Amino acid sequence: MRKRYAICGLLLLSLAACSNLTVAPKPVTAHAIAPDVNSFNAGIIDCDAKGCKVTANWVAKYKQMEAEFKKTFADDVNIKPEGNHFRAPYDVVEHFTQLKAAERGSP
């Protein structure tokens, strides 16, 4: 009986010793901040209940990625001029995010 407890104890000890070999993902660090004109805001100025206020550069990048990946979005017609900027609904901003992920090679 003592031999069985000793073997179980050694087995548990050896398993506990291997626990520090767990593979954990490396933290993601940004390599660059997305500049837009003179601000580091990635072209998104502000968001509210109506969507996000974006720059003309954001809209141009969005249209460029749509053409590149041939993935247009029906709600693109809802991107409206607002002063010197544009108002993009949240679903369009989400589509931009998906296109950006595809550009980076993410699934």
PDB file of N, CA and C in Angstrom:
ATOM      1  N   MET A   1       0.819  -1.183   0.000  1.00  0.00           N
ATOM      2  CA  MET A   1       0.000   0.000   0.000  1.00  0.00           C
ATOM      3  C   MET A   1       0.867   1.253   0.000  1.00  0.00           C
ATOM      4  N   ARG A   2       1.927   1.248   0.802  1.00  0.00           N
ATOM      5  CA  ARG A   2       2.838   2.404   0.842  1.00  0.00           C
ATOM      6  C   ARG A   2       3.485   2.634  -0.512  1.00  0.00           C
ATOM      7  N   LYS A   3       3.798   1.522  -1.190  1.00  0.00           N
ATOM      8  CA  LYS A   3       4.440   1.629  -2.493  1.00  0.00           C
ATOM      9  C   LYS A   3       3.493   2.324  -3.481  1.00  0.00           C
ATOM     10  N   ARG A   4       2.195   2.002  -3.418  1.00  0.00           N
ATOM     11  CA  ARG A   4       1.211   2.616  -4.311  1.00  0.00           C
ATOM     12  C   ARG A   4       1.112   4.122  -4.047  1.00  0.00           C
ATOM     13  N   TYR A   5       1.086   4.529  -2.770  1.00  0.00           N
ATOM     14  CA  TYR A   5       1.053   5.957  -2.429  1.00  0.00           C
ATOM     15  C   TYR A   5       2.323   6.662  -2.896  1.00  0.00           C
ATOM     16  N   ALA A   6       3.444   6.004  -2.765  1.00  0.00           N
ATOM     17  CA  ALA A   6       4.709   6.593  -3.194  1.00  0.00           C
ATOM     18  C   ALA A   6       4.726   6.799  -4.699  1.00  0.00           C
ATOM     19  N   ILE A   7       4.229   5.810  -5.448  1.00  0.00           N
ATOM     20  CA  ILE A   7       4.201   5.914  -6.907  1.00  0.00           C
ATOM     21  C   ILE A   7       3.235   7.024  -7.329  1.00  0.00           C
ATOM     22  N   CYS A   8       2.067   7.081  -6.700  1.00  0.00           N
ATOM     23  CA  CYS A   8       1.100   8.149  -7.004  1.00  0.00           C
ATOM     24  C   CYS A   8       1.677   9.513  -6.667  1.00  0.00           C
ATOM     25  N   GLY A   9       2.364   9.603  -5.553  1.00  0.00           N
ATOM     26  CA  GLY A   9       2.985  10.866  -5.160  1.00  0.00           C
ATOM     27  C   GLY A   9       4.040  11.302  -6.154  1.00  0.00           C
ATOM     28  N   LEU A  10       4.877  10.385  -6.598  1.00  0.00           N
ATOM     29  CA  LEU A  10       5.896  10.708  -7.596  1.00  0.00           C
ATOM     30  C   LEU A  10       5.266  11.105  -8.928  1.00  0.00           C
ATOM     31  N   LEU A  11       4.200  10.410  -9.299  1.00  0.00           N
ATOM     32  CA  LEU A  11       3.513  10.744 -10.539  1.00  0.00           C
ATOM     33  C   LEU A  11       2.933  12.160 -10.472  1.00  0.00           C
ATOM     34  N   LEU A  12       2.281  12.497  -9.369  1.00  0.00           N
ATOM     35  CA  LEU A  12       1.740  13.850  -9.200  1.00  0.00           C
ATOM     36  C   LEU A  12       2.840  14.896  -9.175  1.00  0.00           C
ATOM     37  N   LEU A  13       3.936  14.593  -8.526  1.00  0.00           N
ATOM     38  CA  LEU A  13       5.064  15.516  -8.474  1.00  0.00           C
ATOM     39  C   LEU A  13       5.644  15.739  -9.862  1.00  0.00           C
ATOM     40  N   SER A  14       5.769  14.685 -10.655  1.00  0.00           N
ATOM     41  CA  SER A  14       6.325  14.837 -12.001  1.00  0.00           C
ATOM     42  C   SER A  14       5.367  15.618 -12.899  1.00  0.00           C
ATOM     43  N   LEU A  15       4.062  15.409 -12.749  1.00  0.00           N
ATOM     44  CA  LEU A  15       3.093  16.178 -13.529  1.00  0.00           C
ATOM     45  C   LEU A  15       3.109  17.650 -13.132  1.00  0.00           C
ATOM     46  N   ALA A  16       3.231  17.912 -11.855  1.00  0.00           N
ATOM     47  CA  ALA A  16       3.295  19.300 -11.384  1.00  0.00           C
ATOM     48  C   ALA A  16       4.564  19.977 -11.892  1.00  0.00           C
ATOM     49  N   ALA A  17       5.635  19.250 -12.002  1.00  0.00           N
ATOM     50  CA  ALA A  17       6.891  19.824 -12.492  1.00  0.00           C
ATOM     51  C   ALA A  17       6.780  20.214 -13.957  1.00  0.00           C
ATOM     52  N   CYS A  18       5.950  19.551 -14.717  1.00  0.00           N
ATOM     53  CA  CYS A  18       5.795  19.848 -16.139  1.00  0.00           C
ATOM     54  C   CYS A  18       4.810  20.988 -16.398  1.00  0.00           C
ATOM     55  N   SER A  19       4.108  21.414 -15.383  1.00  0.00           N
ATOM     56  CA  SER A  19       3.072  22.427 -15.590  1.00  0.00           C
ATOM     57  C   SER A  19       3.642  23.756 -16.052  1.00  0.00           C
ATOM     58  N   ASN A  20       4.906  24.043 -15.791  1.00  0.00           N
ATOM     59  CA  ASN A  20       5.478  25.319 -16.230  1.00  0.00           C
ATOM     60  C   ASN A  20       5.840  25.284 -17.709  1.00  0.00           C
ATOM     61  N   LEU A  21       5.577  24.179 -18.397  1.00  0.00           N
ATOM     62  CA  LEU A  21       5.857  24.073 -19.823  1.00  0.00           C
ATOM     63  C   LEU A  21       4.644  24.432 -20.678  1.00  0.00           C
ATOM     64  N   THR A  22       3.602  24.942 -20.054  1.00  0.00           N
ATOM     65  CA  THR A  22       2.400  25.327 -20.777  1.00  0.00           C
ATOM     66  C   THR A  22       2.730  26.438 -21.762  1.00  0.00           C
ATOM     67  N   VAL A  23       2.269  26.270 -22.997  1.00  0.00           N
ATOM     68  CA  VAL A  23       2.508  27.267 -24.035  1.00  0.00           C
ATOM     69  C   VAL A  23       1.432  28.337 -23.929  1.00  0.00           C
ATOM     70  N   ALA A  24       1.852  29.554 -23.770  1.00  0.00           N
ATOM     71  CA  ALA A  24       0.923  30.679 -23.693  1.00  0.00           C
ATOM     72  C   ALA A  24       1.182  31.604 -24.876  1.00  0.00           C
ATOM     73  N   PRO A  25       0.143  32.222 -25.428  1.00  0.00           N
ATOM     74  CA  PRO A  25       0.368  33.137 -26.540  1.00  0.00           C
ATOM     75  C   PRO A  25       1.154  34.363 -26.094  1.00  0.00           C
ATOM     76  N   LYS A  26       1.949  34.860 -27.012  1.00  0.00           N
ATOM     77  CA  LYS A  26       2.714  36.072 -26.721  1.00  0.00           C
ATOM     78  C   LYS A  26       1.777  37.270 -26.771  1.00  0.00           C
ATOM     79  N   PRO A  27       2.022  38.273 -25.941  1.00  0.00           N
ATOM     80  CA  PRO A  27       1.167  39.462 -25.991  1.00  0.00           C
ATOM     81  C   PRO A  27       1.356  40.202 -27.314  1.00  0.00           C
ATOM     82  N   VAL A  28       0.278  40.787 -27.793  1.00  0.00           N
ATOM     83  CA  VAL A  28       0.320  41.540 -29.035  1.00  0.00           C
ATOM     84  C   VAL A  28       0.787  42.954 -28.734  1.00  0.00           C
ATOM     85  N   THR A  29       1.753  43.405 -29.491  1.00  0.00           N
ATOM     86  CA  THR A  29       2.216  44.778 -29.342  1.00  0.00           C
ATOM     87  C   THR A  29       2.065  45.480 -30.676  1.00  0.00           C
ATOM     88  N   ALA A  30       1.592  46.685 -30.629  1.00  0.00           N
ATOM     89  CA  ALA A  30       1.435  47.466 -31.852  1.00  0.00           C
ATOM     90  C   ALA A  30       2.798  47.909 -32.346  1.00  0.00           C
ATOM     91  N   HIS A  31       3.018  47.743 -33.631  1.00  0.00           N
ATOM     92  CA  HIS A  31       4.287  48.158 -34.216  1.00  0.00           C
ATOM     93  C   HIS A  31       4.223  49.590 -34.738  1.00  0.00           C
ATOM     94  N   ALA A  32       3.020  50.068 -34.949  1.00  0.00           N
ATOM     95  CA  ALA A  32       2.856  51.432 -35.443  1.00  0.00           C
ATOM     96  C   ALA A  32       1.467  51.923 -35.075  1.00  0.00           C
ATOM     97  N   ILE A  33       1.366  53.179 -34.819  1.00  0.00           N
ATOM     98  CA  ILE A  33       0.070  53.806 -34.575  1.00  0.00           C
ATOM     99  C   ILE A  33      -0.414  54.334 -35.917  1.00  0.00           C
ATOM    100  N   ALA A  34      -1.684  54.156 -36.197  1.00  0.00           N
ATOM    101  CA  ALA A  34      -2.221  54.554 -37.487  1.00  0.00           C
ATOM    102  C   ALA A  34      -2.422  56.065 -37.553  1.00  0.00           C
ATOM    103  N   PRO A  35      -1.571  56.755 -38.288  1.00  0.00           N
ATOM    104  CA  PRO A  35      -1.738  58.203 -38.412  1.00  0.00           C
ATOM    105  C   PRO A  35      -2.749  58.551 -39.497  1.00  0.00           C
ATOM    106  N   ASP A  36      -3.382  59.680 -39.344  1.00  0.00           N
ATOM    107  CA  ASP A  36      -4.268  60.225 -40.360  1.00  0.00           C
ATOM    108  C   ASP A  36      -4.090  61.731 -40.322  1.00  0.00           C
ATOM    109  N   VAL A  37      -3.531  62.274 -41.360  1.00  0.00           N
ATOM    110  CA  VAL A  37      -3.175  63.690 -41.460  1.00  0.00           C
ATOM    111  C   VAL A  37      -2.236  64.022 -40.304  1.00  0.00           C
ATOM    112  N   ASN A  38      -2.636  64.867 -39.373  1.00  0.00           N
ATOM    113  CA  ASN A  38      -1.756  65.248 -38.267  1.00  0.00           C
ATOM    114  C   ASN A  38      -2.135  64.601 -36.942  1.00  0.00           C
ATOM    115  N   SER A  39      -3.009  63.604 -36.967  1.00  0.00           N
ATOM    116  CA  SER A  39      -3.462  62.945 -35.745  1.00  0.00           C
ATOM    117  C   SER A  39      -3.233  61.445 -35.844  1.00  0.00           C
ATOM    118  N   PHE A  40      -3.038  60.825 -34.712  1.00  0.00           N
ATOM    119  CA  PHE A  40      -2.892  59.380 -34.656  1.00  0.00           C
ATOM    120  C   PHE A  40      -4.222  58.782 -34.186  1.00  0.00           C
ATOM    121  N   ASN A  41      -5.244  58.899 -35.051  1.00  0.00           N
ATOM    122  CA  ASN A  41      -6.579  58.437 -34.688  1.00  0.00           C
ATOM    123  C   ASN A  41      -7.136  57.421 -35.682  1.00  0.00           C
ATOM    124  N   ALA A  42      -6.316  56.962 -36.612  1.00  0.00           N
ATOM    125  CA  ALA A  42      -6.715  55.984 -37.636  1.00  0.00           C
ATOM    126  C   ALA A  42      -7.888  56.475 -38.485  1.00  0.00           C
ATOM    127  N   GLY A  43      -8.121  57.762 -38.496  1.00  0.00           N
ATOM    128  CA  GLY A  43      -9.180  58.321 -39.330  1.00  0.00           C
ATOM    129  C   GLY A  43     -10.540  58.367 -38.679  1.00  0.00           C
ATOM    130  N   ILE A  44     -10.655  57.862 -37.446  1.00  0.00           N
ATOM    131  CA  ILE A  44     -11.936  57.919 -36.733  1.00  0.00           C
ATOM    132  C   ILE A  44     -11.856  59.056 -35.723  1.00  0.00           C
ATOM    133  N   ILE A  45     -12.690  60.052 -35.915  1.00  0.00           N
ATOM    134  CA  ILE A  45     -12.635  61.252 -35.088  1.00  0.00           C
ATOM    135  C   ILE A  45     -13.471  61.096 -33.823  1.00  0.00           C
ATOM    136  N   ASP A  46     -14.704  60.609 -33.987  1.00  0.00           N
ATOM    137  CA  ASP A  46     -15.612  60.498 -32.851  1.00  0.00           C
ATOM    138  C   ASP A  46     -16.744  59.550 -33.226  1.00  0.00           C
ATOM    139  N   CYS A  47     -17.333  58.918 -32.225  1.00  0.00           N
ATOM    140  CA  CYS A  47     -18.484  58.031 -32.455  1.00  0.00           C
ATOM    141  C   CYS A  47     -19.624  58.437 -31.530  1.00  0.00           C
ATOM    142  N   ASP A  48     -20.847  58.307 -32.040  1.00  0.00           N
ATOM    143  CA  ASP A  48     -22.035  58.575 -31.240  1.00  0.00           C
ATOM    144  C   ASP A  48     -23.142  57.639 -31.701  1.00  0.00           C
ATOM    145  N   ALA A  49     -24.370  57.925 -31.341  1.00  0.00           N
ATOM    146  CA  ALA A  49     -25.489  57.042 -31.659  1.00  0.00           C
ATOM    147  C   ALA A  49     -25.721  56.908 -33.168  1.00  0.00           C
ATOM    148  N   LYS A  50     -25.286  57.889 -33.953  1.00  0.00           N
ATOM    149  CA  LYS A  50     -25.499  57.865 -35.399  1.00  0.00           C
ATOM    150  C   LYS A  50     -24.378  57.163 -36.165  1.00  0.00           C
ATOM    151  N   GLY A  51     -23.319  56.770 -35.481  1.00  0.00           N
ATOM    152  CA  GLY A  51     -22.185  56.139 -36.154  1.00  0.00           C
ATOM    153  C   GLY A  51     -20.900  56.870 -35.808  1.00  0.00           C
ATOM    154  N   CYS A  52     -19.918  56.752 -36.672  1.00  0.00           N
ATOM    155  CA  CYS A  52     -18.606  57.375 -36.413  1.00  0.00           C
ATOM    156  C   CYS A  52     -18.310  58.472 -37.426  1.00  0.00           C
ATOM    157  N   LYS A  53     -17.771  59.553 -36.925  1.00  0.00           N
ATOM    158  CA  LYS A  53     -17.298  60.634 -37.775  1.00  0.00           C
ATOM    159  C   LYS A  53     -15.894  60.249 -38.215  1.00  0.00           C
ATOM    160  N   VAL A  54     -15.685  60.138 -39.541  1.00  0.00           N
ATOM    161  CA  VAL A  54     -14.413  59.675 -40.081  1.00  0.00           C
ATOM    162  C   VAL A  54     -13.862  60.702 -41.073  1.00  0.00           C
ATOM    163  N   THR A  55     -12.568  60.584 -41.351  1.00  0.00           N
ATOM    164  CA  THR A  55     -11.924  61.507 -42.280  1.00  0.00           C
ATOM    165  C   THR A  55     -12.070  61.014 -43.716  1.00  0.00           C
ATOM    166  N   ALA A  56     -11.742  61.896 -44.646  1.00  0.00           N
ATOM    167  CA  ALA A  56     -11.765  61.528 -46.065  1.00  0.00           C
ATOM    168  C   ALA A  56     -10.728  60.437 -46.336  1.00  0.00           C
ATOM    169  N   ASN A  57      -9.600  60.452 -45.637  1.00  0.00           N
ATOM    170  CA  ASN A  57      -8.588  59.407 -45.806  1.00  0.00           C
ATOM    171  C   ASN A  57      -9.134  58.048 -45.388  1.00  0.00           C
ATOM    172  N   TRP A  58      -9.925  57.999 -44.316  1.00  0.00           N
ATOM    173  CA  TRP A  58     -10.534  56.744 -43.869  1.00  0.00           C
ATOM    174  C   TRP A  58     -11.445  56.193 -44.963  1.00  0.00           C
ATOM    175  N   VAL A  59     -12.270  57.063 -45.538  1.00  0.00           N
ATOM    176  CA  VAL A  59     -13.194  56.650 -46.597  1.00  0.00           C
ATOM    177  C   VAL A  59     -12.413  56.160 -47.812  1.00  0.00           C
ATOM    178  N   ALA A  60     -11.347  56.855 -48.178  1.00  0.00           N
ATOM    179  CA  ALA A  60     -10.530  56.443 -49.322  1.00  0.00           C
ATOM    180  C   ALA A  60      -9.895  55.073 -49.078  1.00  0.00           C
ATOM    181  N   LYS A  61      -9.366  54.848 -47.881  1.00  0.00           N
ATOM    182  CA  LYS A  61      -8.767  53.557 -47.543  1.00  0.00           C
ATOM    183  C   LYS A  61      -9.825  52.462 -47.565  1.00  0.00           C
ATOM    184  N   TYR A  62     -11.002  52.760 -47.059  1.00  0.00           N
ATOM    185  CA  TYR A  62     -12.109  51.807 -47.048  1.00  0.00           C
ATOM    186  C   TYR A  62     -12.466  51.389 -48.478  1.00  0.00           C
ATOM    187  N   LYS A  63     -12.623  52.357 -49.358  1.00  0.00           N
ATOM    188  CA  LYS A  63     -12.985  52.060 -50.748  1.00  0.00           C
ATOM    189  C   LYS A  63     -11.861  51.311 -51.457  1.00  0.00           C
ATOM    190  N   GLN A  64     -10.607  51.648 -51.125  1.00  0.00           N
ATOM    191  CA  GLN A  64      -9.462  50.964 -51.721  1.00  0.00           C
ATOM    192  C   GLN A  64      -9.439  49.492 -51.306  1.00  0.00           C
ATOM    193  N   MET A  65      -9.716  49.205 -50.026  1.00  0.00           N
ATOM    194  CA  MET A  65      -9.727  47.823 -49.558  1.00  0.00           C
ATOM    195  C   MET A  65     -10.908  47.051 -50.152  1.00  0.00           C
ATOM    196  N   GLU A  66     -12.060  47.701 -50.294  1.00  0.00           N
ATOM    197  CA  GLU A  66     -13.206  47.038 -50.921  1.00  0.00           C
ATOM    198  C   GLU A  66     -12.874  46.631 -52.351  1.00  0.00           C
ATOM    199  N   ALA A  67     -12.225  47.516 -53.094  1.00  0.00           N
ATOM    200  CA  ALA A  67     -11.852  47.202 -54.473  1.00  0.00           C
ATOM    201  C   ALA A  67     -10.808  46.088 -54.507  1.00  0.00           C
ATOM    202  N   GLU A  68      -9.843  46.160 -53.600  1.00  0.00           N
ATOM    203  CA  GLU A  68      -8.774  45.171 -53.559  1.00  0.00           C
ATOM    204  C   GLU A  68      -9.300  43.774 -53.242  1.00  0.00           C
ATOM    205  N   PHE A  69     -10.198  43.662 -52.265  1.00  0.00           N
ATOM    206  CA  PHE A  69     -10.716  42.365 -51.846  1.00  0.00           C
ATOM    207  C   PHE A  69     -12.043  42.004 -52.514  1.00  0.00           C
ATOM    208  N   LYS A  70     -12.545  42.911 -53.361  1.00  0.00           N
ATOM    209  CA  LYS A  70     -13.809  42.689 -54.079  1.00  0.00           C
ATOM    210  C   LYS A  70     -14.936  42.299 -53.118  1.00  0.00           C
ATOM    211  N   LYS A  71     -15.031  43.051 -52.026  1.00  0.00           N
ATOM    212  CA  LYS A  71     -16.066  42.805 -51.015  1.00  0.00           C
ATOM    213  C   LYS A  71     -16.786  44.117 -50.725  1.00  0.00           C
ATOM    214  N   THR A  72     -17.759  44.440 -51.563  1.00  0.00           N
ATOM    215  CA  THR A  72     -18.527  45.656 -51.321  1.00  0.00           C
ATOM    216  C   THR A  72     -19.597  45.379 -50.275  1.00  0.00           C
ATOM    217  N   PHE A  73     -20.145  46.445 -49.746  1.00  0.00           N
ATOM    218  CA  PHE A  73     -21.108  46.363 -48.651  1.00  0.00           C
ATOM    219  C   PHE A  73     -22.273  47.270 -48.996  1.00  0.00           C
ATOM    220  N   ALA A  74     -23.489  46.757 -48.915  1.00  0.00           N
ATOM    221  CA  ALA A  74     -24.680  47.517 -49.333  1.00  0.00           C
ATOM    222  C   ALA A  74     -24.845  48.829 -48.571  1.00  0.00           C
ATOM    223  N   ASP A  75     -24.457  48.849 -47.297  1.00  0.00           N
ATOM    224  CA  ASP A  75     -24.653  50.056 -46.493  1.00  0.00           C
ATOM    225  C   ASP A  75     -23.634  51.163 -46.786  1.00  0.00           C
ATOM    226  N   ASP A  76     -22.768  50.952 -47.771  1.00  0.00           N
ATOM    227  CA  ASP A  76     -21.826  52.007 -48.148  1.00  0.00           C
ATOM    228  C   ASP A  76     -22.548  53.296 -48.555  1.00  0.00           C
ATOM    229  N   VAL A  77     -23.775  53.145 -49.047  1.00  0.00           N
ATOM    230  CA  VAL A  77     -24.550  54.321 -49.447  1.00  0.00           C
ATOM    231  C   VAL A  77     -24.887  55.194 -48.239  1.00  0.00           C
ATOM    232  N   ASN A  78     -24.750  54.654 -47.028  1.00  0.00           N
ATOM    233  CA  ASN A  78     -25.054  55.412 -45.814  1.00  0.00           C
ATOM    234  C   ASN A  78     -23.862  56.218 -45.294  1.00  0.00           C
ATOM    235  N   ILE A  79     -22.733  56.188 -45.989  1.00  0.00           N
ATOM    236  CA  ILE A  79     -21.605  57.057 -45.628  1.00  0.00           C
ATOM    237  C   ILE A  79     -21.949  58.439 -46.185  1.00  0.00           C
ATOM    238  N   LYS A  80     -22.186  59.368 -45.292  1.00  0.00           N
ATOM    239  CA  LYS A  80     -22.662  60.702 -45.695  1.00  0.00           C
ATOM    240  C   LYS A  80     -21.644  61.783 -45.332  1.00  0.00           C
ATOM    241  N   PRO A  81     -21.498  62.782 -46.202  1.00  0.00           N
ATOM    242  CA  PRO A  81     -20.633  63.916 -45.855  1.00  0.00           C
ATOM    243  C   PRO A  81     -21.201  64.661 -44.651  1.00  0.00           C
ATOM    244  N   GLU A  82     -20.303  65.131 -43.805  1.00  0.00           N
ATOM    245  CA  GLU A  82     -20.694  65.908 -42.623  1.00  0.00           C
ATOM    246  C   GLU A  82     -19.616  66.973 -42.411  1.00  0.00           C
ATOM    247  N   GLY A  83     -19.845  68.133 -42.971  1.00  0.00           N
ATOM    248  CA  GLY A  83     -18.819  69.186 -42.903  1.00  0.00           C
ATOM    249  C   GLY A  83     -17.603  68.761 -43.716  1.00  0.00           C
ATOM    250  N   ASN A  84     -16.425  68.842 -43.109  1.00  0.00           N
ATOM    251  CA  ASN A  84     -15.194  68.425 -43.778  1.00  0.00           C
ATOM    252  C   ASN A  84     -14.930  66.928 -43.634  1.00  0.00           C
ATOM    253  N   HIS A  85     -15.817  66.227 -42.966  1.00  0.00           N
ATOM    254  CA  HIS A  85     -15.614  64.812 -42.681  1.00  0.00           C
ATOM    255  C   HIS A  85     -16.801  64.008 -43.200  1.00  0.00           C
ATOM    256  N   PHE A  86     -16.899  62.765 -42.777  1.00  0.00           N
ATOM    257  CA  PHE A  86     -17.987  61.883 -43.187  1.00  0.00           C
ATOM    258  C   PHE A  86     -18.558  61.196 -41.958  1.00  0.00           C
ATOM    259  N   ARG A  87     -19.809  60.729 -42.066  1.00  0.00           N
ATOM    260  CA  ARG A  87     -20.449  59.960 -41.007  1.00  0.00           C
ATOM    261  C   ARG A  87     -20.647  58.549 -41.549  1.00  0.00           C
ATOM    262  N   ALA A  88     -20.034  57.557 -40.885  1.00  0.00           N
ATOM    263  CA  ALA A  88     -20.148  56.151 -41.298  1.00  0.00           C
ATOM    264  C   ALA A  88     -20.914  55.385 -40.225  1.00  0.00           C
ATOM    265  N   PRO A  89     -21.953  54.632 -40.614  1.00  0.00           N
ATOM    266  CA  PRO A  89     -22.680  53.824 -39.641  1.00  0.00           C
ATOM    267  C   PRO A  89     -21.772  52.740 -39.049  1.00  0.00           C
ATOM    268  N   TYR A  90     -22.178  52.222 -37.905  1.00  0.00           N
ATOM    269  CA  TYR A  90     -21.349  51.223 -37.218  1.00  0.00           C
ATOM    270  C   TYR A  90     -21.120  49.959 -38.042  1.00  0.00           C
ATOM    271  N   ASP A  91     -22.116  49.534 -38.823  1.00  0.00           N
ATOM    272  CA  ASP A  91     -21.907  48.322 -39.622  1.00  0.00           C
ATOM    273  C   ASP A  91     -20.862  48.539 -40.713  1.00  0.00           C
ATOM    274  N   VAL A  92     -20.745  49.764 -41.217  1.00  0.00           N
ATOM    275  CA  VAL A  92     -19.700  50.080 -42.196  1.00  0.00           C
ATOM    276  C   VAL A  92     -18.329  50.078 -41.512  1.00  0.00           C
ATOM    277  N   VAL A  93     -18.259  50.619 -40.297  1.00  0.00           N
ATOM    278  CA  VAL A  93     -17.003  50.613 -39.542  1.00  0.00           C
ATOM    279  C   VAL A  93     -16.592  49.170 -39.252  1.00  0.00           C
ATOM    280  N   GLU A  94     -17.565  48.313 -38.933  1.00  0.00           N
ATOM    281  CA  GLU A  94     -17.274  46.897 -38.699  1.00  0.00           C
ATOM    282  C   GLU A  94     -16.750  46.240 -39.977  1.00  0.00           C
ATOM    283  N   HIS A  95     -17.346  46.580 -41.119  1.00  0.00           N
ATOM    284  CA  HIS A  95     -16.874  46.046 -42.399  1.00  0.00           C
ATOM    285  C   HIS A  95     -15.442  46.501 -42.663  1.00  0.00           C
ATOM    286  N   PHE A  96     -15.135  47.749 -42.356  1.00  0.00           N
ATOM    287  CA  PHE A  96     -13.768  48.261 -42.484  1.00  0.00           C
ATOM    288  C   PHE A  96     -12.818  47.420 -41.632  1.00  0.00           C
ATOM    289  N   THR A  97     -13.238  47.104 -40.411  1.00  0.00           N
ATOM    290  CA  THR A  97     -12.408  46.300 -39.503  1.00  0.00           C
ATOM    291  C   THR A  97     -12.143  44.922 -40.087  1.00  0.00           C
ATOM    292  N   GLN A  98     -13.156  44.312 -40.676  1.00  0.00           N
ATOM    293  CA  GLN A  98     -12.985  42.998 -41.292  1.00  0.00           C
ATOM    294  C   GLN A  98     -12.050  43.060 -42.497  1.00  0.00           C
ATOM    295  N   LEU A  99     -12.184  44.101 -43.303  1.00  0.00           N
ATOM    296  CA  LEU A  99     -11.293  44.266 -44.451  1.00  0.00           C
ATOM    297  C   LEU A  99      -9.854  44.485 -43.994  1.00  0.00           C
ATOM    298  N   LYS A 100      -9.691  45.270 -42.937  1.00  0.00           N
ATOM    299  CA  LYS A 100      -8.352  45.533 -42.404  1.00  0.00           C
ATOM    300  C   LYS A 100      -7.722  44.242 -41.894  1.00  0.00           C
ATOM    301  N   ALA A 101      -8.506  43.391 -41.243  1.00  0.00           N
ATOM    302  CA  ALA A 101      -8.001  42.103 -40.767  1.00  0.00           C
ATOM    303  C   ALA A 101      -7.580  41.235 -41.952  1.00  0.00           C
ATOM    304  N   ALA A 102      -8.369  41.255 -43.021  1.00  0.00           N
ATOM    305  CA  ALA A 102      -8.006  40.482 -44.220  1.00  0.00           C
ATOM    306  C   ALA A 102      -6.727  41.023 -44.850  1.00  0.00           C
ATOM    307  N   GLU A 103      -6.566  42.328 -44.814  1.00  0.00           N
ATOM    308  CA  GLU A 103      -5.353  42.947 -45.353  1.00  0.00           C
ATOM    309  C   GLU A 103      -4.118  42.497 -44.564  1.00  0.00           C
ATOM    310  N   ARG A 104      -4.287  42.327 -43.270  1.00  0.00           N
ATOM    311  CA  ARG A 104      -3.174  41.892 -42.422  1.00  0.00           C
ATOM    312  C   ARG A 104      -2.940  40.385 -42.494  1.00  0.00           C
ATOM    313  N   GLY A 105      -3.870  39.663 -43.123  1.00  0.00           N
ATOM    314  CA  GLY A 105      -3.717  38.223 -43.241  1.00  0.00           C
ATOM    315  C   GLY A 105      -4.396  37.445 -42.140  1.00  0.00           C
ATOM    316  N   SER A 106      -5.226  38.113 -41.341  1.00  0.00           N
ATOM    317  CA  SER A 106      -5.988  37.411 -40.295  1.00  0.00           C
ATOM    318  C   SER A 106      -7.181  36.735 -40.931  1.00  0.00           C
ATOM    319  N   PRO A 107      -7.658  35.652 -40.338  1.00  0.00           N
ATOM    320  CA  PRO A 107      -8.824  34.953 -40.915  1.00  0.00           C
ATOM    321  C   PRO A 107     -10.097  35.753 -40.821  1.00  0.00           C
TER     322      PRO A 107
END
